[in-house]
C-alpha atoms as a PDB file:
ATOM      1  CA  MET A   1     -68.011 -74.626 -18.083  1.00  0.00           C
ATOM      2  CA  SER A   2     -65.836 -76.604 -15.696  1.00  0.00           C
ATOM      3  CA  ALA A   3     -66.621 -76.992 -12.018  1.00  0.00           C
ATOM      4  CA  SER A   4     -65.351 -74.363  -9.631  1.00  0.00           C
ATOM      5  CA  GLU A   5     -62.053 -74.978  -7.862  1.00  0.00           C
ATOM      6  CA  PHE A   6     -63.727 -74.068  -4.555  1.00  0.00           C
ATOM      7  CA  SER A   7     -67.211 -75.476  -5.133  1.00  0.00           C
ATOM      8  CA  HIS A   8     -69.503 -75.892  -2.098  1.00  0.00           C
ATOM      9  CA  PRO A   9     -72.992 -76.549  -3.462  1.00  0.00           C
ATOM     10  CA  ILE A  10     -75.928 -76.029  -1.105  1.00  0.00           C
ATOM     11  CA  ASP A  11     -79.564 -76.906  -1.748  1.00  0.00           C
ATOM     12  CA  VAL A  12     -81.631 -73.724  -1.486  1.00  0.00           C
ATOM     13  CA  ARG A  13     -84.329 -75.611   0.406  1.00  0.00           C
ATOM     14  CA  GLN A  14     -81.850 -76.442   3.181  1.00  0.00           C
ATOM     15  CA  SER A  15     -80.103 -73.075   3.397  1.00  0.00           C
ATOM     16  CA  GLU A  16     -82.178 -71.209   6.006  1.00  0.00           C
ATOM     17  CA  GLY A  17     -80.028 -70.360   9.034  1.00  0.00           C
ATOM     18  CA  LEU A  18     -77.075 -72.359   7.752  1.00  0.00           C
ATOM     19  CA  VAL A  19     -73.697 -71.183   9.067  1.00  0.00           C
ATOM     20  CA  LEU A  20     -70.798 -72.091   6.786  1.00  0.00           C
ATOM     21  CA  LYS A  21     -67.067 -72.114   7.435  1.00  0.00           C
ATOM     22  CA  LEU A  22     -65.399 -72.632   4.050  1.00  0.00           C
ATOM     23  CA  VAL A  23     -61.655 -73.346   4.046  1.00  0.00           C
ATOM     24  CA  ALA A  24     -59.719 -74.013   0.843  1.00  0.00           C
ATOM     25  CA  ASN A  25     -57.419 -77.031   0.915  1.00  0.00           C
ATOM     26  CA  GLU A  26     -53.999 -77.140  -0.752  1.00  0.00           C
ATOM     27  CA  THR A  27     -55.321 -78.458  -4.085  1.00  0.00           C
ATOM     28  CA  GLN A  28     -58.063 -75.825  -4.216  1.00  0.00           C
ATOM     29  CA  ARG A  29     -55.605 -73.028  -3.353  1.00  0.00           C
ATOM     30  CA  ALA A  30     -53.221 -74.147  -6.111  1.00  0.00           C
ATOM     31  CA  ALA A  31     -56.069 -74.207  -8.654  1.00  0.00           C
ATOM     32  CA  LEU A  32     -57.271 -70.743  -7.551  1.00  0.00           C
ATOM     33  CA  ALA A  33     -53.720 -69.380  -7.842  1.00  0.00           C
ATOM     34  CA  GLN A  34     -53.602 -70.639 -11.427  1.00  0.00           C
ATOM     35  CA  ARG A  35     -57.076 -69.279 -12.217  1.00  0.00           C
ATOM     36  CA  PHE A  36     -56.248 -65.790 -10.959  1.00  0.00           C
ATOM     37  CA  ASP A  37     -52.620 -65.754 -12.141  1.00  0.00           C
ATOM     38  CA  LEU A  38     -51.215 -65.547  -8.618  1.00  0.00           C
ATOM     39  CA  VAL A  39     -47.868 -66.921  -7.486  1.00  0.00           C
ATOM     40  CA  LYS A  40     -49.493 -68.709  -4.551  1.00  0.00           C
ATOM     41  CA  VAL A  41     -52.643 -68.740  -2.442  1.00  0.00           C
ATOM     42  CA  SER A  42     -51.546 -69.578   1.113  1.00  0.00           C
ATOM     43  CA  ALA A  43     -54.975 -69.333   2.733  1.00  0.00           C
ATOM     44  CA  LEU A  44     -58.583 -68.751   1.761  1.00  0.00           C
ATOM     45  CA  GLU A  45     -61.462 -69.025   4.168  1.00  0.00           C
ATOM     46  CA  ALA A  46     -64.903 -67.567   4.561  1.00  0.00           C
ATOM     47  CA  SER A  47     -67.513 -67.541   7.289  1.00  0.00           C
ATOM     48  CA  LEU A  48     -71.040 -67.091   5.977  1.00  0.00           C
ATOM     49  CA  THR A  49     -74.525 -67.088   7.454  1.00  0.00           C
ATOM     50  CA  LEU A  50     -77.330 -67.913   5.014  1.00  0.00           C
ATOM     51  CA  THR A  51     -80.910 -66.680   5.220  1.00  0.00           C
ATOM     52  CA  ARG A  52     -83.664 -67.629   2.810  1.00  0.00           C
ATOM     53  CA  LYS A  53     -86.668 -65.654   1.598  1.00  0.00           C
ATOM     54  CA  GLY A  54     -88.582 -67.767  -0.894  1.00  0.00           C
ATOM     55  CA  ARG A  55     -86.100 -68.793  -3.565  1.00  0.00           C
ATOM     56  CA  THR A  56     -83.706 -65.938  -2.742  1.00  0.00           C
ATOM     57  CA  VAL A  57     -80.799 -66.747  -0.427  1.00  0.00           C
ATOM     58  CA  GLU A  58     -78.706 -64.053   1.214  1.00  0.00           C
ATOM     59  CA  ALA A  59     -75.221 -64.804   2.522  1.00  0.00           C
ATOM     60  CA  SER A  60     -73.326 -62.455   4.792  1.00  0.00           C
ATOM     61  CA  GLY A  61     -70.008 -62.826   6.550  1.00  0.00           C
ATOM     62  CA  THR A  62     -66.304 -62.348   5.917  1.00  0.00           C
ATOM     63  CA  MET A  63     -63.594 -63.631   3.615  1.00  0.00           C
ATOM     64  CA  ARG A  64     -59.930 -63.822   4.550  1.00  0.00           C
ATOM     65  CA  ALA A  65     -57.142 -64.633   2.117  1.00  0.00           C
ATOM     66  CA  ASP A  66     -53.355 -64.680   2.096  1.00  0.00           C
ATOM     67  CA  PHE A  67     -51.707 -64.834  -1.307  1.00  0.00           C
ATOM     68  CA  VAL A  68     -48.592 -63.864  -3.218  1.00  0.00           C
ATOM     69  CA  GLN A  69     -48.829 -61.977  -6.473  1.00  0.00           C
ATOM     70  CA  SER A  70     -46.295 -60.488  -8.843  1.00  0.00           C
ATOM     71  CA  CYS A  71     -45.491 -56.787  -8.765  1.00  0.00           C
ATOM     72  CA  ALA A  72     -46.869 -55.105 -11.884  1.00  0.00           C
ATOM     73  CA  VAL A  73     -43.547 -53.285 -12.434  1.00  0.00           C
ATOM     74  CA  SER A  74     -40.721 -55.484 -11.139  1.00  0.00           C
ATOM     75  CA  ALA A  75     -42.415 -58.915 -11.212  1.00  0.00           C
ATOM     76  CA  GLU A  76     -41.122 -59.526  -7.667  1.00  0.00           C
ATOM     77  CA  ASP A  77     -43.278 -61.573  -5.298  1.00  0.00           C
ATOM     78  CA  VAL A  78     -45.483 -59.416  -3.083  1.00  0.00           C
ATOM     79  CA  PRO A  79     -47.366 -60.987  -0.158  1.00  0.00           C
ATOM     80  CA  VAL A  80     -50.951 -59.753   0.254  1.00  0.00           C
ATOM     81  CA  GLN A  81     -53.495 -60.210   3.032  1.00  0.00           C
ATOM     82  CA  VAL A  82     -57.154 -59.479   2.423  1.00  0.00           C
ATOM     83  CA  GLU A  83     -60.036 -59.465   4.869  1.00  0.00           C
ATOM     84  CA  GLU A  84     -63.351 -58.265   3.497  1.00  0.00           C
ATOM     85  CA  PRO A  85     -66.989 -58.377   4.461  1.00  0.00           C
ATOM     86  CA  LEU A  86     -69.190 -60.363   2.091  1.00  0.00           C
ATOM     87  CA  SER A  87     -72.819 -59.681   1.300  1.00  0.00           C
ATOM     88  CA  LEU A  88     -74.199 -61.878  -1.472  1.00  0.00           C
ATOM     89  CA  ARG A  89     -77.664 -62.569  -2.847  1.00  0.00           C
ATOM     90  CA  PHE A  90     -78.414 -65.723  -4.790  1.00  0.00           C
ATOM     91  CA  VAL A  91     -81.489 -65.281  -6.989  1.00  0.00           C
ATOM     92  CA  PRO A  92     -83.204 -67.654  -9.423  1.00  0.00           C
ATOM     93  CA  GLU A  93     -82.224 -67.023 -13.020  1.00  0.00           C
ATOM     94  CA  ARG A  94     -84.938 -65.128 -14.882  1.00  0.00           C
ATOM     95  CA  ALA A  95     -86.580 -67.158 -17.618  1.00  0.00           C
ATOM     96  CA  ASP A  96     -87.950 -64.081 -19.377  1.00  0.00           C
ATOM     97  CA  HIS A  97     -84.563 -62.418 -19.914  1.00  0.00           C
ATOM     98  CA  ASN A  98     -83.676 -61.378 -23.468  1.00  0.00           C
ATOM     99  CA  PRO A  99     -79.860 -61.057 -23.819  1.00  0.00           C
ATOM    100  CA  ASP A 100     -80.250 -58.097 -26.209  1.00  0.00           C
ATOM    101  CA  GLU A 101     -82.655 -56.277 -23.921  1.00  0.00           C
ATOM    102  CA  GLU A 102     -81.348 -53.236 -22.076  1.00  0.00           C
ATOM    103  CA  ILE A 103     -81.928 -53.483 -18.330  1.00  0.00           C
ATOM    104  CA  GLU A 104     -81.564 -51.046 -15.437  1.00  0.00           C
ATOM    105  CA  LEU A 105     -79.545 -52.100 -12.405  1.00  0.00           C
ATOM    106  CA  ASP A 106     -79.618 -50.529  -8.991  1.00  0.00           C
ATOM    107  CA  ALA A 107     -76.800 -50.887  -6.450  1.00  0.00           C
ATOM    108  CA  HIS A 108     -78.364 -53.959  -4.833  1.00  0.00           C
ATOM    109  CA  ASP A 109     -78.637 -55.798  -8.171  1.00  0.00           C
ATOM    110  CA  CYS A 110     -74.869 -55.717  -8.620  1.00  0.00           C
ATOM    111  CA  ASP A 111     -74.339 -58.192  -5.776  1.00  0.00           C
ATOM    112  CA  GLU A 112     -76.821 -60.744  -7.109  1.00  0.00           C
ATOM    113  CA  ILE A 113     -75.703 -64.139  -8.326  1.00  0.00           C
ATOM    114  CA  ASP A 114     -78.075 -66.038 -10.590  1.00  0.00           C
ATOM    115  CA  TYR A 115     -78.582 -69.751 -10.098  1.00  0.00           C
ATOM    116  CA  THR A 116     -80.589 -72.429 -11.901  1.00  0.00           C
ATOM    117  CA  GLY A 117     -82.365 -75.383 -10.357  1.00  0.00           C
ATOM    118  CA  THR A 118     -82.282 -75.631  -6.575  1.00  0.00           C
ATOM    119  CA  THR A 119     -78.548 -75.381  -5.894  1.00  0.00           C
ATOM    120  CA  ILE A 120     -76.397 -72.359  -5.053  1.00  0.00           C
ATOM    121  CA  ASP A 121     -72.602 -72.356  -4.750  1.00  0.00           C
ATOM    122  CA  PRO A 122     -71.292 -70.078  -1.990  1.00  0.00           C
ATOM    123  CA  GLY A 123     -67.771 -71.470  -2.564  1.00  0.00           C
ATOM    124  CA  GLU A 124     -67.685 -70.180  -6.132  1.00  0.00           C
ATOM    125  CA  ALA A 125     -69.035 -66.832  -4.897  1.00  0.00           C
ATOM    126  CA  VAL A 126     -66.135 -66.651  -2.421  1.00  0.00           C
ATOM    127  CA  ALA A 127     -63.681 -67.537  -5.211  1.00  0.00           C
ATOM    128  CA  GLN A 128     -65.104 -64.730  -7.355  1.00  0.00           C
ATOM    129  CA  SER A 129     -64.839 -62.353  -4.390  1.00  0.00           C
ATOM    130  CA  LEU A 130     -61.168 -63.299  -4.105  1.00  0.00           C
ATOM    131  CA  GLY A 131     -60.719 -62.460  -7.790  1.00  0.00           C
ATOM    132  CA  LEU A 132     -62.302 -59.057  -7.239  1.00  0.00           C
ATOM    133  CA  ALA A 133     -60.037 -58.377  -4.238  1.00  0.00           C
ATOM    134  CA  ILE A 134     -56.844 -58.767  -6.298  1.00  0.00           C
ATOM    135  CA  ASP A 135     -55.195 -55.458  -7.220  1.00  0.00           C
ATOM    136  CA  PRO A 136     -54.206 -55.806 -10.907  1.00  0.00           C
ATOM    137  CA  PHE A 137     -51.735 -52.904 -10.595  1.00  0.00           C
ATOM    138  CA  LEU A 138     -50.084 -53.929  -7.311  1.00  0.00           C
ATOM    139  CA  THR A 139     -46.533 -52.654  -6.949  1.00  0.00           C
ATOM    140  CA  GLY A 140     -43.850 -53.866  -4.570  1.00  0.00           C
ATOM    141  CA  PRO A 141     -40.999 -52.089  -2.808  1.00  0.00           C
ATOM    142  CA  ALA A 142     -38.626 -52.261  -5.812  1.00  0.00           C
ATOM    143  CA  ALA A 143     -41.075 -50.653  -8.253  1.00  0.00           C
ATOM    144  CA  ASP A 144     -39.967 -47.044  -7.661  1.00  0.00           C
ATOM    145  CA  GLU A 145     -36.297 -47.935  -8.087  1.00  0.00           C
ATOM    146  CA  ILE A 146     -37.017 -49.692 -11.379  1.00  0.00           C
ATOM    147  CA  ARG A 147     -38.995 -46.695 -12.614  1.00  0.00           C
ATOM    148  CA  GLU A 148     -36.191 -44.286 -11.590  1.00  0.00           C
ATOM    149  CA  LYS A 149     -33.577 -46.319 -13.463  1.00  0.00           C
ATOM    150  CA  GLY A 150     -35.709 -46.078 -16.568  1.00  0.00           C
ATOM    151  CA  TYR A 151     -36.280 -49.806 -17.007  1.00  0.00           C
ATOM    152  CA  VAL A 152     -39.982 -49.147 -17.329  1.00  0.00           C
ATOM    153  CA  SER A 153     -41.288 -46.498 -19.655  1.00  0.00           C
ATOM    154  CA  THR A 154     -43.714 -43.840 -18.527  1.00  0.00           C
ATOM    155  CA  PRO A 155     -46.826 -42.787 -20.426  1.00  0.00           C
ATOM    156  CA  GLU A 156     -45.024 -39.559 -21.314  1.00  0.00           C
ATOM    157  CA  SER A 157     -42.075 -41.402 -22.920  1.00  0.00           C
ATOM    158  CA  ASN A 158     -44.465 -43.588 -24.962  1.00  0.00           C
ATOM    159  CA  SER A 159     -46.361 -40.619 -26.318  1.00  0.00           C
ATOM    160  CA  PRO A 160     -46.261 -40.008 -30.079  1.00  0.00           C
ATOM    161  CA  PHE A 161     -44.883 -36.575 -29.209  1.00  0.00           C
ATOM    162  CA  ALA A 162     -41.936 -37.970 -27.236  1.00  0.00           C
ATOM    163  CA  ALA A 163     -39.953 -38.532 -30.432  1.00  0.00           C
ATOM    164  CA  LEU A 164     -40.569 -34.939 -31.467  1.00  0.00           C
ATOM    165  CA  LYS A 165     -39.277 -33.607 -28.158  1.00  0.00           C
ATOM    166  CA  GLY A 166     -35.670 -34.202 -29.194  1.00  0.00           C
ATOM    167  CA  LEU A 167     -36.086 -32.478 -32.544  1.00  0.00           C
ATOM    168  CA  LYS A 168     -35.246 -28.807 -32.561  1.00  0.00           C
ATOM    169  CA  PRO A 169     -35.379 -26.526 -35.537  1.00  0.00           C
ATOM    170  CA  SER A 170     -31.939 -25.538 -36.798  1.00  0.00           C
ATOM    171  CA  ASP A 171     -31.090 -21.849 -36.856  1.00  0.00           C
END
């Protein structure tokens, strides 16, 4: 796997009480735009405070991003601003995990990020949070007009029964 476009590795042993201000530069923003199929990432920054309990590191703070993505209907450029709270937990990867084993997850487990060795990457976690913040079905102002003109089909018009709708029995 290639290195993250927004990598900021931190040694777990030096993470206690660390306050991070991560700001993506132009090269990183361009690479993230390509990774997430965005037109452009104008800004990406995060403020995080790290706390350590043993080998587990918790990061809390906020992420702010400005980006441009394509409308799902018209393909026009739509500017988007996102500001979200972040709450992440970096935990050591389990050595006893069997990939075929069924496991139970509670709500807190869903925010855990496994790491190996002694290094965590809050930058990659922020990049993944950006990916999760992107609306894959975002529509812009011209979407309704395009739908009304019939340039985009509706689920009803794609139905196997749509072709039958026009058929009427002859008298």
